[in-house]
Amino acid sequence: KLKMDYVYYYDEPLNNFDYVAGVTAPEDIARQICNSVEIN
């Protein structure tokens, strides 16, 4: 009866070398990634 669900969000990443706190916005990174993998 196990059901698996997936929830998508964006926030400060723990594993992303392109992210620099105070310089790069998580929203911009997430938007770019979502576009590349066809997620709204």
Full PDB file with SEQRES, HELIX, SHEET, SSBOND, CRYST1, ORIGX, SCALE, CONECT and MASTER records, all heavy atoms in Angstrom:
SEQRES   1 A   40  LYS LEU LYS MET ASP TYR VAL TYR TYR TYR ASP GLU PRO          
SEQRES   2 A   40  LEU ASN ASN PHE ASP TYR VAL ALA GLY VAL THR ALA PRO          
SEQRES   3 A   40  GLU ASP ILE ALA ARG GLN ILE CYS ASN SER VAL GLU ILE          
SEQRES   4 A   40  ASN                                                          
HELIX    1 AA1 PRO A   26  SER A   36  1                                  11    
CRYST1    1.000    1.000    1.000  90.00  90.00  90.00 P 1           1          
ORIGX1      1.000000  0.000000  0.000000        0.00000                         
ORIGX2      0.000000  1.000000  0.000000        0.00000                         
ORIGX3      0.000000  0.000000  1.000000        0.00000                         
SCALE1      1.000000  0.000000  0.000000        0.00000                         
SCALE2      0.000000  1.000000  0.000000        0.00000                         
SCALE3      0.000000  0.000000  1.000000        0.00000                         
ATOM      1  N   LYS A   1       0.814  -1.219   0.000  1.00  0.00           N  
ATOM      2  CA  LYS A   1       0.000   0.000   0.000  1.00  0.00           C  
ATOM      3  C   LYS A   1       0.846   1.267   0.000  1.00  0.00           C  
ATOM      4  O   LYS A   1       0.311   2.373   0.085  1.00  0.00           O  
ATOM      5  CB  LYS A   1      -0.935   0.001   1.211  1.00  0.00           C  
ATOM      6  CG  LYS A   1      -2.026  -1.066   1.146  1.00  0.00           C  
ATOM      7  CD  LYS A   1      -2.968  -0.948   2.330  1.00  0.00           C  
ATOM      8  CE  LYS A   1      -4.081  -1.996   2.257  1.00  0.00           C  
ATOM      9  NZ  LYS A   1      -5.014  -1.868   3.413  1.00  0.00           N  
ATOM     10  N   LEU A   2       2.151   1.106  -0.068  1.00  0.00           N  
ATOM     11  CA  LEU A   2       3.043   2.272  -0.066  1.00  0.00           C  
ATOM     12  C   LEU A   2       2.799   3.145  -1.297  1.00  0.00           C  
ATOM     13  O   LEU A   2       2.817   2.663  -2.433  1.00  0.00           O  
ATOM     14  CB  LEU A   2       4.503   1.817  -0.046  1.00  0.00           C  
ATOM     15  CG  LEU A   2       5.552   2.922  -0.147  1.00  0.00           C  
ATOM     16  CD1 LEU A   2       5.510   3.816   1.086  1.00  0.00           C  
ATOM     17  CD2 LEU A   2       6.943   2.332  -0.330  1.00  0.00           C  
ATOM     18  N   LYS A   3       2.578   4.415  -1.057  1.00  0.00           N  
ATOM     19  CA  LYS A   3       2.409   5.383  -2.141  1.00  0.00           C  
ATOM     20  C   LYS A   3       3.561   6.368  -2.101  1.00  0.00           C  
ATOM     21  O   LYS A   3       3.912   6.869  -1.035  1.00  0.00           O  
ATOM     22  CB  LYS A   3       1.082   6.131  -2.000  1.00  0.00           C  
ATOM     23  CG  LYS A   3       0.847   7.135  -3.114  1.00  0.00           C  
ATOM     24  CD  LYS A   3      -0.446   7.906  -2.912  1.00  0.00           C  
ATOM     25  CE  LYS A   3      -0.633   8.947  -4.018  1.00  0.00           C  
ATOM     26  NZ  LYS A   3      -1.870   9.759  -3.805  1.00  0.00           N  
ATOM     27  N   MET A   4       4.142   6.643  -3.258  1.00  0.00           N  
ATOM     28  CA  MET A   4       5.272   7.565  -3.321  1.00  0.00           C  
ATOM     29  C   MET A   4       4.849   8.846  -4.019  1.00  0.00           C  
ATOM     30  O   MET A   4       4.253   8.815  -5.099  1.00  0.00           O  
ATOM     31  CB  MET A   4       6.445   6.900  -4.042  1.00  0.00           C  
ATOM     32  CG  MET A   4       6.964   5.661  -3.330  1.00  0.00           C  
ATOM     33  SD  MET A   4       8.434   4.938  -4.087  1.00  0.00           S  
ATOM     34  CE  MET A   4       9.643   6.222  -3.738  1.00  0.00           C  
ATOM     35  N   ASP A   5       5.157   9.967  -3.379  1.00  0.00           N  
ATOM     36  CA  ASP A   5       4.775  11.279  -3.901  1.00  0.00           C  
ATOM     37  C   ASP A   5       6.016  12.155  -4.013  1.00  0.00           C  
ATOM     38  O   ASP A   5       6.985  11.972  -3.273  1.00  0.00           O  
ATOM     39  CB  ASP A   5       3.739  11.922  -2.971  1.00  0.00           C  
ATOM     40  CG  ASP A   5       3.062  13.115  -3.629  1.00  0.00           C  
ATOM     41  OD1 ASP A   5       3.103  13.216  -4.871  1.00  0.00           O  
ATOM     42  OD2 ASP A   5       2.488  13.953  -2.896  1.00  0.00           O  
ATOM     43  N   TYR A   6       5.965  13.118  -4.932  1.00  0.00           N  
ATOM     44  CA  TYR A   6       7.102  14.014  -5.153  1.00  0.00           C  
ATOM     45  C   TYR A   6       6.611  15.461  -5.116  1.00  0.00           C  
ATOM     46  O   TYR A   6       5.633  15.812  -5.777  1.00  0.00           O  
ATOM     47  CB  TYR A   6       7.771  13.712  -6.497  1.00  0.00           C  
ATOM     48  CG  TYR A   6       8.415  12.346  -6.541  1.00  0.00           C  
ATOM     49  CD1 TYR A   6       7.660  11.195  -6.752  1.00  0.00           C  
ATOM     50  CD2 TYR A   6       9.788  12.191  -6.321  1.00  0.00           C  
ATOM     51  CE1 TYR A   6       8.239   9.937  -6.762  1.00  0.00           C  
ATOM     52  CE2 TYR A   6      10.371  10.936  -6.332  1.00  0.00           C  
ATOM     53  CZ  TYR A   6       9.597   9.816  -6.555  1.00  0.00           C  
ATOM     54  OH  TYR A   6      10.177   8.574  -6.555  1.00  0.00           O  
ATOM     55  N   VAL A   7       7.292  16.274  -4.317  1.00  0.00           N  
ATOM     56  CA  VAL A   7       6.948  17.691  -4.166  1.00  0.00           C  
ATOM     57  C   VAL A   7       8.143  18.519  -4.606  1.00  0.00           C  
ATOM     58  O   VAL A   7       9.280  18.279  -4.166  1.00  0.00           O  
ATOM     59  CB  VAL A   7       6.592  18.019  -2.695  1.00  0.00           C  
ATOM     60  CG1 VAL A   7       6.383  19.517  -2.518  1.00  0.00           C  
ATOM     61  CG2 VAL A   7       5.342  17.248  -2.275  1.00  0.00           C  
ATOM     62  N   TYR A   8       7.908  19.516  -5.453  1.00  0.00           N  
ATOM     63  CA  TYR A   8       8.987  20.332  -6.014  1.00  0.00           C  
ATOM     64  C   TYR A   8       8.928  21.742  -5.427  1.00  0.00           C  
ATOM     65  O   TYR A   8       7.860  22.341  -5.293  1.00  0.00           O  
ATOM     66  CB  TYR A   8       8.856  20.388  -7.535  1.00  0.00           C  
ATOM     67  CG  TYR A   8       8.903  19.025  -8.178  1.00  0.00           C  
ATOM     68  CD1 TYR A   8       7.724  18.363  -8.541  1.00  0.00           C  
ATOM     69  CD2 TYR A   8      10.114  18.380  -8.390  1.00  0.00           C  
ATOM     70  CE1 TYR A   8       7.762  17.102  -9.112  1.00  0.00           C  
ATOM     71  CE2 TYR A   8      10.167  17.117  -8.950  1.00  0.00           C  
ATOM     72  CZ  TYR A   8       8.983  16.486  -9.309  1.00  0.00           C  
ATOM     73  OH  TYR A   8       9.031  15.230  -9.858  1.00  0.00           O  
ATOM     74  N   TYR A   9      10.097  22.252  -5.076  1.00  0.00           N  
ATOM     75  CA  TYR A   9      10.213  23.591  -4.500  1.00  0.00           C  
ATOM     76  C   TYR A   9      11.600  24.127  -4.831  1.00  0.00           C  
ATOM     77  O   TYR A   9      12.424  23.444  -5.434  1.00  0.00           O  
ATOM     78  CB  TYR A   9      10.018  23.537  -2.980  1.00  0.00           C  
ATOM     79  CG  TYR A   9      11.183  22.911  -2.236  1.00  0.00           C  
ATOM     80  CD1 TYR A   9      12.127  23.715  -1.585  1.00  0.00           C  
ATOM     81  CD2 TYR A   9      11.358  21.521  -2.190  1.00  0.00           C  
ATOM     82  CE1 TYR A   9      13.204  23.145  -0.910  1.00  0.00           C  
ATOM     83  CE2 TYR A   9      12.416  20.959  -1.513  1.00  0.00           C  
ATOM     84  CZ  TYR A   9      13.336  21.767  -0.881  1.00  0.00           C  
ATOM     85  OH  TYR A   9      14.404  21.209  -0.226  1.00  0.00           O  
ATOM     86  N   TYR A  10      11.866  25.348  -4.442  1.00  0.00           N  
ATOM     87  CA  TYR A  10      13.229  25.875  -4.546  1.00  0.00           C  
ATOM     88  C   TYR A  10      13.573  26.630  -3.265  1.00  0.00           C  
ATOM     89  O   TYR A  10      12.715  27.204  -2.609  1.00  0.00           O  
ATOM     90  CB  TYR A  10      13.392  26.776  -5.776  1.00  0.00           C  
ATOM     91  CG  TYR A  10      12.712  28.123  -5.686  1.00  0.00           C  
ATOM     92  CD1 TYR A  10      13.351  29.220  -5.102  1.00  0.00           C  
ATOM     93  CD2 TYR A  10      11.423  28.305  -6.200  1.00  0.00           C  
ATOM     94  CE1 TYR A  10      12.731  30.459  -5.026  1.00  0.00           C  
ATOM     95  CE2 TYR A  10      10.795  29.528  -6.139  1.00  0.00           C  
ATOM     96  CZ  TYR A  10      11.444  30.600  -5.543  1.00  0.00           C  
ATOM     97  OH  TYR A  10      10.828  31.822  -5.461  1.00  0.00           O  
ATOM     98  N   ASP A  11      14.834  26.539  -2.905  1.00  0.00           N  
ATOM     99  CA  ASP A  11      15.351  27.217  -1.713  1.00  0.00           C  
ATOM    100  C   ASP A  11      16.873  27.192  -1.813  1.00  0.00           C  
ATOM    101  O   ASP A  11      17.422  26.735  -2.817  1.00  0.00           O  
ATOM    102  CB  ASP A  11      14.873  26.520  -0.445  1.00  0.00           C  
ATOM    103  CG  ASP A  11      14.823  27.484   0.748  1.00  0.00           C  
ATOM    104  OD1 ASP A  11      15.543  28.502   0.698  1.00  0.00           O  
ATOM    105  OD2 ASP A  11      14.077  27.209   1.701  1.00  0.00           O  
ATOM    106  N   GLU A  12      17.539  27.638  -0.792  1.00  0.00           N  
ATOM    107  CA  GLU A  12      19.004  27.613  -0.811  1.00  0.00           C  
ATOM    108  C   GLU A  12      19.503  26.197  -1.022  1.00  0.00           C  
ATOM    109  O   GLU A  12      19.154  25.290  -0.273  1.00  0.00           O  
ATOM    110  CB  GLU A  12      19.562  28.155   0.511  1.00  0.00           C  
ATOM    111  CG  GLU A  12      19.667  29.663   0.566  1.00  0.00           C  
ATOM    112  CD  GLU A  12      20.542  30.126   1.729  1.00  0.00           C  
ATOM    113  OE1 GLU A  12      21.747  29.797   1.732  1.00  0.00           O  
ATOM    114  OE2 GLU A  12      20.004  30.779   2.624  1.00  0.00           O  
ATOM    115  N   PRO A  13      20.318  25.972  -2.046  1.00  0.00           N  
ATOM    116  CA  PRO A  13      20.820  24.611  -2.316  1.00  0.00           C  
ATOM    117  C   PRO A  13      21.992  24.254  -1.411  1.00  0.00           C  
ATOM    118  O   PRO A  13      22.789  25.105  -1.035  1.00  0.00           O  
ATOM    119  CB  PRO A  13      21.263  24.699  -3.777  1.00  0.00           C  
ATOM    120  CG  PRO A  13      21.660  26.129  -3.964  1.00  0.00           C  
ATOM    121  CD  PRO A  13      20.725  26.930  -3.102  1.00  0.00           C  
ATOM    122  N   LEU A  14      22.084  22.983  -1.065  1.00  0.00           N  
ATOM    123  CA  LEU A  14      23.209  22.479  -0.285  1.00  0.00           C  
ATOM    124  C   LEU A  14      24.313  21.946  -1.193  1.00  0.00           C  
ATOM    125  O   LEU A  14      25.469  21.831  -0.795  1.00  0.00           O  
ATOM    126  CB  LEU A  14      22.737  21.364   0.662  1.00  0.00           C  
ATOM    127  CG  LEU A  14      21.695  21.750   1.703  1.00  0.00           C  
ATOM    128  CD1 LEU A  14      21.271  20.527   2.505  1.00  0.00           C  
ATOM    129  CD2 LEU A  14      22.266  22.819   2.638  1.00  0.00           C  
ATOM    130  N   ASN A  15      23.942  21.597  -2.425  1.00  0.00           N  
ATOM    131  CA  ASN A  15      24.901  21.008  -3.358  1.00  0.00           C  
ATOM    132  C   ASN A  15      24.752  21.658  -4.722  1.00  0.00           C  
ATOM    133  O   ASN A  15      24.063  21.144  -5.612  1.00  0.00           O  
ATOM    134  CB  ASN A  15      24.667  19.485  -3.460  1.00  0.00           C  
ATOM    135  CG  ASN A  15      25.634  18.835  -4.437  1.00  0.00           C  
ATOM    136  OD1 ASN A  15      26.729  19.330  -4.659  1.00  0.00           O  
ATOM    137  ND2 ASN A  15      25.211  17.727  -5.030  1.00  0.00           N  
ATOM    138  N   ASN A  16      25.364  22.828  -4.882  1.00  0.00           N  
ATOM    139  CA  ASN A  16      25.342  23.532  -6.163  1.00  0.00           C  
ATOM    140  C   ASN A  16      26.502  24.520  -6.191  1.00  0.00           C  
ATOM    141  O   ASN A  16      26.469  25.546  -5.521  1.00  0.00           O  
ATOM    142  CB  ASN A  16      24.000  24.257  -6.359  1.00  0.00           C  
ATOM    143  CG  ASN A  16      23.845  24.783  -7.782  1.00  0.00           C  
ATOM    144  OD1 ASN A  16      24.828  25.103  -8.450  1.00  0.00           O  
ATOM    145  ND2 ASN A  16      22.602  24.884  -8.244  1.00  0.00           N  
ATOM    146  N   PHE A  17      27.511  24.203  -6.996  1.00  0.00           N  
ATOM    147  CA  PHE A  17      28.702  25.043  -7.048  1.00  0.00           C  
ATOM    148  C   PHE A  17      28.438  26.385  -7.724  1.00  0.00           C  
ATOM    149  O   PHE A  17      29.221  27.322  -7.592  1.00  0.00           O  
ATOM    150  CB  PHE A  17      29.832  24.310  -7.777  1.00  0.00           C  
ATOM    151  CG  PHE A  17      30.267  23.045  -7.091  1.00  0.00           C  
ATOM    152  CD1 PHE A  17      30.124  21.810  -7.703  1.00  0.00           C  
ATOM    153  CD2 PHE A  17      30.801  23.098  -5.816  1.00  0.00           C  
ATOM    154  CE1 PHE A  17      30.531  20.656  -7.066  1.00  0.00           C  
ATOM    155  CE2 PHE A  17      31.206  21.938  -5.161  1.00  0.00           C  
ATOM    156  CZ  PHE A  17      31.064  20.708  -5.786  1.00  0.00           C  
ATOM    157  N   ASP A  18      27.335  26.473  -8.467  1.00  0.00           N  
ATOM    158  CA  ASP A  18      27.002  27.738  -9.133  1.00  0.00           C  
ATOM    159  C   ASP A  18      26.326  28.726  -8.199  1.00  0.00           C  
ATOM    160  O   ASP A  18      26.139  29.888  -8.547  1.00  0.00           O  
ATOM    161  CB  ASP A  18      26.072  27.478 -10.331  1.00  0.00           C  
ATOM    162  CG  ASP A  18      26.760  26.651 -11.410  1.00  0.00           C  
ATOM    163  OD1 ASP A  18      27.982  26.810 -11.562  1.00  0.00           O  
ATOM    164  OD2 ASP A  18      26.074  25.859 -12.088  1.00  0.00           O  
ATOM    165  N   TYR A  19      25.966  28.247  -7.020  1.00  0.00           N  
ATOM    166  CA  TYR A  19      25.254  29.111  -6.086  1.00  0.00           C  
ATOM    167  C   TYR A  19      26.232  29.801  -5.138  1.00  0.00           C  
ATOM    168  O   TYR A  19      27.086  29.147  -4.532  1.00  0.00           O  
ATOM    169  CB  TYR A  19      24.241  28.304  -5.273  1.00  0.00           C  
ATOM    170  CG  TYR A  19      23.600  29.108  -4.162  1.00  0.00           C  
ATOM    171  CD1 TYR A  19      22.662  30.097  -4.436  1.00  0.00           C  
ATOM    172  CD2 TYR A  19      23.946  28.872  -2.824  1.00  0.00           C  
ATOM    173  CE1 TYR A  19      22.074  30.823  -3.417  1.00  0.00           C  
ATOM    174  CE2 TYR A  19      23.363  29.595  -1.794  1.00  0.00           C  
ATOM    175  CZ  TYR A  19      22.430  30.577  -2.096  1.00  0.00           C  
ATOM    176  OH  TYR A  19      21.849  31.314  -1.082  1.00  0.00           O  
ATOM    177  N   VAL A  20      26.082  31.115  -5.026  1.00  0.00           N  
ATOM    178  CA  VAL A  20      26.871  31.905  -4.087  1.00  0.00           C  
ATOM    179  C   VAL A  20      25.890  32.734  -3.258  1.00  0.00           C  
ATOM    180  O   VAL A  20      25.141  33.551  -3.815  1.00  0.00           O  
ATOM    181  CB  VAL A  20      27.871  32.841  -4.801  1.00  0.00           C  
ATOM    182  CG1 VAL A  20      28.657  33.646  -3.757  1.00  0.00           C  
ATOM    183  CG2 VAL A  20      28.809  32.046  -5.688  1.00  0.00           C  
ATOM    184  N   ALA A  21      25.855  32.487  -1.947  1.00  0.00           N  
ATOM    185  CA  ALA A  21      24.902  33.174  -1.069  1.00  0.00           C  
ATOM    186  C   ALA A  21      25.050  34.688  -1.191  1.00  0.00           C  
ATOM    187  O   ALA A  21      26.160  35.219  -1.120  1.00  0.00           O  
ATOM    188  CB  ALA A  21      25.109  32.735   0.380  1.00  0.00           C  
ATOM    189  N   GLY A  22      23.915  35.362  -1.381  1.00  0.00           N  
ATOM    190  CA  GLY A  22      23.918  36.819  -1.485  1.00  0.00           C  
ATOM    191  C   GLY A  22      24.250  37.324  -2.874  1.00  0.00           C  
ATOM    192  O   GLY A  22      24.118  38.514  -3.148  1.00  0.00           O  
ATOM    193  N   VAL A  23      24.691  36.423  -3.767  1.00  0.00           N  
ATOM    194  CA  VAL A  23      25.052  36.837  -5.129  1.00  0.00           C  
ATOM    195  C   VAL A  23      24.106  36.197  -6.157  1.00  0.00           C  
ATOM    196  O   VAL A  23      23.551  36.869  -7.019  1.00  0.00           O  
ATOM    197  CB  VAL A  23      26.517  36.451  -5.456  1.00  0.00           C  
ATOM    198  CG1 VAL A  23      26.854  36.842  -6.897  1.00  0.00           C  
ATOM    199  CG2 VAL A  23      27.463  37.117  -4.473  1.00  0.00           C  
ATOM    200  N   THR A  24      23.926  34.888  -6.029  1.00  0.00           N  
ATOM    201  CA  THR A  24      23.066  34.149  -6.954  1.00  0.00           C  
ATOM    202  C   THR A  24      21.745  33.835  -6.275  1.00  0.00           C  
ATOM    203  O   THR A  24      21.717  33.375  -5.135  1.00  0.00           O  
ATOM    204  CB  THR A  24      23.731  32.824  -7.384  1.00  0.00           C  
ATOM    205  OG1 THR A  24      25.081  33.072  -7.724  1.00  0.00           O  
ATOM    206  CG2 THR A  24      22.997  32.223  -8.577  1.00  0.00           C  
ATOM    207  N   ALA A  25      20.655  34.075  -6.980  1.00  0.00           N  
ATOM    208  CA  ALA A  25      19.327  33.820  -6.416  1.00  0.00           C  
ATOM    209  C   ALA A  25      18.901  32.376  -6.689  1.00  0.00           C  
ATOM    210  O   ALA A  25      18.960  31.937  -7.839  1.00  0.00           O  
ATOM    211  CB  ALA A  25      18.302  34.783  -7.005  1.00  0.00           C  
ATOM    212  N   PRO A  26      18.479  31.638  -5.664  1.00  0.00           N  
ATOM    213  CA  PRO A  26      17.982  30.268  -5.881  1.00  0.00           C  
ATOM    214  C   PRO A  26      16.837  30.220  -6.888  1.00  0.00           C  
ATOM    215  O   PRO A  26      16.701  29.265  -7.650  1.00  0.00           O  
ATOM    216  CB  PRO A  26      17.519  29.828  -4.495  1.00  0.00           C  
ATOM    217  CG  PRO A  26      18.305  30.673  -3.544  1.00  0.00           C  
ATOM    218  CD  PRO A  26      18.474  31.994  -4.231  1.00  0.00           C  
ATOM    219  N   GLU A  27      16.022  31.290  -6.889  1.00  0.00           N  
ATOM    220  CA  GLU A  27      14.890  31.335  -7.825  1.00  0.00           C  
ATOM    221  C   GLU A  27      15.370  31.303  -9.275  1.00  0.00           C  
ATOM    222  O   GLU A  27      14.799  30.603 -10.117  1.00  0.00           O  
ATOM    223  CB  GLU A  27      14.065  32.602  -7.575  1.00  0.00           C  
ATOM    224  CG  GLU A  27      12.870  32.720  -8.512  1.00  0.00           C  
ATOM    225  CD  GLU A  27      12.054  33.980  -8.257  1.00  0.00           C  
ATOM    226  OE1 GLU A  27      12.354  34.689  -7.271  1.00  0.00           O  
ATOM    227  OE2 GLU A  27      11.129  34.241  -9.037  1.00  0.00           O  
ATOM    228  N   ASP A  28      16.442  32.057  -9.571  1.00  0.00           N  
ATOM    229  CA  ASP A  28      16.959  32.105 -10.949  1.00  0.00           C  
ATOM    230  C   ASP A  28      17.522  30.742 -11.364  1.00  0.00           C  
ATOM    231  O   ASP A  28      17.317  30.280 -12.497  1.00  0.00           O  
ATOM    232  CB  ASP A  28      18.042  33.174 -11.063  1.00  0.00           C  
ATOM    233  CG  ASP A  28      17.490  34.579 -10.835  1.00  0.00           C  
ATOM    234  OD1 ASP A  28      16.271  34.763 -11.056  1.00  0.00           O  
ATOM    235  OD2 ASP A  28      18.259  35.465 -10.429  1.00  0.00           O  
ATOM    236  N   ILE A  29      18.234  30.097 -10.436  1.00  0.00           N  
ATOM    237  CA  ILE A  29      18.799  28.767 -10.735  1.00  0.00           C  
ATOM    238  C   ILE A  29      17.676  27.761 -10.976  1.00  0.00           C  
ATOM    239  O   ILE A  29      17.697  26.993 -11.939  1.00  0.00           O  
ATOM    240  CB  ILE A  29      19.696  28.292  -9.573  1.00  0.00           C  
ATOM    241  CG1 ILE A  29      20.882  29.237  -9.395  1.00  0.00           C  
ATOM    242  CG2 ILE A  29      20.180  26.864  -9.830  1.00  0.00           C  
ATOM    243  CD1 ILE A  29      21.742  28.897  -8.184  1.00  0.00           C  
ATOM    244  N   ALA A  30      16.660  27.793 -10.098  1.00  0.00           N  
ATOM    245  CA  ALA A  30      15.548  26.849 -10.209  1.00  0.00           C  
ATOM    246  C   ALA A  30      14.759  27.077 -11.490  1.00  0.00           C  
ATOM    247  O   ALA A  30      14.345  26.119 -12.159  1.00  0.00           O  
ATOM    248  CB  ALA A  30      14.634  26.974  -8.999  1.00  0.00           C  
ATOM    249  N   ARG A  31      14.576  28.326 -11.851  1.00  0.00           N  
ATOM    250  CA  ARG A  31      13.830  28.632 -13.072  1.00  0.00           C  
ATOM    251  C   ARG A  31      14.556  28.078 -14.310  1.00  0.00           C  
ATOM    252  O   ARG A  31      13.947  27.502 -15.206  1.00  0.00           O  
ATOM    253  CB  ARG A  31      13.644  30.150 -13.202  1.00  0.00           C  
ATOM    254  CG  ARG A  31      12.710  30.568 -14.346  1.00  0.00           C  
ATOM    255  CD  ARG A  31      12.656  32.090 -14.444  1.00  0.00           C  
ATOM    256  NE  ARG A  31      12.095  32.689 -13.242  1.00  0.00           N  
ATOM    257  CZ  ARG A  31      10.782  32.849 -13.043  1.00  0.00           C  
ATOM    258  NH1 ARG A  31       9.920  32.432 -13.961  1.00  0.00           N  
ATOM    259  NH2 ARG A  31      10.352  33.417 -11.942  1.00  0.00           N  
ATOM    260  N   GLN A  32      15.882  28.240 -14.314  1.00  0.00           N  
ATOM    261  CA  GLN A  32      16.670  27.740 -15.435  1.00  0.00           C  
ATOM    262  C   GLN A  32      16.626  26.202 -15.509  1.00  0.00           C  
ATOM    263  O   GLN A  32      16.480  25.626 -16.587  1.00  0.00           O  
ATOM    264  CB  GLN A  32      18.123  28.221 -15.295  1.00  0.00           C  
ATOM    265  CG  GLN A  32      19.009  27.843 -16.469  1.00  0.00           C  
ATOM    266  CD  GLN A  32      20.426  28.384 -16.308  1.00  0.00           C  
ATOM    267  OE1 GLN A  32      20.745  29.015 -15.293  1.00  0.00           O  
ATOM    268  NE2 GLN A  32      21.268  28.136 -17.289  1.00  0.00           N  
ATOM    269  N   ILE A  33      16.740  25.562 -14.356  1.00  0.00           N  
ATOM    270  CA  ILE A  33      16.698  24.093 -14.322  1.00  0.00           C  
ATOM    271  C   ILE A  33      15.319  23.584 -14.737  1.00  0.00           C  
ATOM    272  O   ILE A  33      15.206  22.614 -15.503  1.00  0.00           O  
ATOM    273  CB  ILE A  33      17.070  23.580 -12.913  1.00  0.00           C  
ATOM    274  CG1 ILE A  33      18.551  23.840 -12.640  1.00  0.00           C  
ATOM    275  CG2 ILE A  33      16.773  22.083 -12.790  1.00  0.00           C  
ATOM    276  CD1 ILE A  33      18.995  23.484 -11.233  1.00  0.00           C  
ATOM    277  N   CYS A  34      14.261  24.217 -14.241  1.00  0.00           N  
ATOM    278  CA  CYS A  34      12.894  23.813 -14.598  1.00  0.00           C  
ATOM    279  C   CYS A  34      12.662  23.908 -16.101  1.00  0.00           C  
ATOM    280  O   CYS A  34      12.019  23.031 -16.693  1.00  0.00           O  
ATOM    281  CB  CYS A  34      11.879  24.665 -13.854  1.00  0.00           C  
ATOM    282  SG  CYS A  34      11.704  24.249 -12.106  1.00  0.00           S  
ATOM    283  N   ASN A  35      13.168  24.955 -16.708  1.00  0.00           N  
ATOM    284  CA  ASN A  35      13.024  25.101 -18.154  1.00  0.00           C  
ATOM    285  C   ASN A  35      13.749  23.980 -18.900  1.00  0.00           C  
ATOM    286  O   ASN A  35      13.272  23.482 -19.922  1.00  0.00           O  
ATOM    287  CB  ASN A  35      13.567  26.461 -18.612  1.00  0.00           C  
ATOM    288  CG  ASN A  35      12.677  27.610 -18.185  1.00  0.00           C  
ATOM    289  OD1 ASN A  35      11.475  27.424 -17.976  1.00  0.00           O  
ATOM    290  ND2 ASN A  35      13.250  28.795 -18.051  1.00  0.00           N  
ATOM    291  N   SER A  36      14.905  23.580 -18.387  1.00  0.00           N  
ATOM    292  CA  SER A  36      15.706  22.556 -19.069  1.00  0.00           C  
ATOM    293  C   SER A  36      15.087  21.169 -18.961  1.00  0.00           C  
ATOM    294  O   SER A  36      15.276  20.325 -19.846  1.00  0.00           O  
ATOM    295  CB  SER A  36      17.133  22.530 -18.515  1.00  0.00           C  
ATOM    296  OG  SER A  36      17.136  22.103 -17.158  1.00  0.00           O  
ATOM    297  N   VAL A  37      14.329  20.910 -17.876  1.00  0.00           N  
ATOM    298  CA  VAL A  37      13.736  19.576 -17.693  1.00  0.00           C  
ATOM    299  C   VAL A  37      12.221  19.598 -17.892  1.00  0.00           C  
ATOM    300  O   VAL A  37      11.534  18.627 -17.567  1.00  0.00           O  
ATOM    301  CB  VAL A  37      14.069  19.004 -16.294  1.00  0.00           C  
ATOM    302  CG1 VAL A  37      15.562  18.791 -16.152  1.00  0.00           C  
ATOM    303  CG2 VAL A  37      13.550  19.906 -15.182  1.00  0.00           C  
ATOM    304  N   GLU A  38      11.704  20.699 -18.428  1.00  0.00           N  
ATOM    305  CA  GLU A  38      10.291  20.825 -18.787  1.00  0.00           C  
ATOM    306  C   GLU A  38       9.357  20.646 -17.588  1.00  0.00           C  
ATOM    307  O   GLU A  38       8.387  19.903 -17.637  1.00  0.00           O  
ATOM    308  CB  GLU A  38       9.919  19.827 -19.891  1.00  0.00           C  
ATOM    309  CG  GLU A  38      10.694  20.044 -21.178  1.00  0.00           C  
ATOM    310  CD  GLU A  38      10.293  19.059 -22.265  1.00  0.00           C  
ATOM    311  OE1 GLU A  38       9.395  18.229 -22.015  1.00  0.00           O  
ATOM    312  OE2 GLU A  38      10.857  19.129 -23.366  1.00  0.00           O  
ATOM    313  N   ILE A  39       9.694  21.342 -16.491  1.00  0.00           N  
ATOM    314  CA  ILE A  39       8.812  21.399 -15.334  1.00  0.00           C  
ATOM    315  C   ILE A  39       8.295  22.827 -15.209  1.00  0.00           C  
ATOM    316  O   ILE A  39       9.077  23.783 -15.307  1.00  0.00           O  
ATOM    317  CB  ILE A  39       9.552  20.990 -14.042  1.00  0.00           C  
ATOM    318  CG1 ILE A  39       9.876  19.489 -14.068  1.00  0.00           C  
ATOM    319  CG2 ILE A  39       8.733  21.317 -12.805  1.00  0.00           C  
ATOM    320  CD1 ILE A  39      10.631  18.998 -12.849  1.00  0.00           C  
ATOM    321  N   ASN A  40       6.994  22.979 -15.020  1.00  0.00           N  
ATOM    322  CA  ASN A  40       6.380  24.298 -14.931  1.00  0.00           C  
ATOM    323  C   ASN A  40       6.842  24.989 -13.651  1.00  0.00           C  
ATOM    324  O   ASN A  40       6.474  24.582 -12.544  1.00  0.00           O  
ATOM    325  CB  ASN A  40       4.861  24.168 -14.955  1.00  0.00           C  
ATOM    326  CG  ASN A  40       4.175  25.518 -15.083  1.00  0.00           C  
ATOM    327  OD1 ASN A  40       4.787  26.576 -14.896  1.00  0.00           O  
ATOM    328  ND2 ASN A  40       2.898  25.495 -15.418  1.00  0.00           N  
TER     329      ASN A  40                                                      
MASTER        0    0    0    1    0    0    0    6  328    1    0    4          
END                                                                             
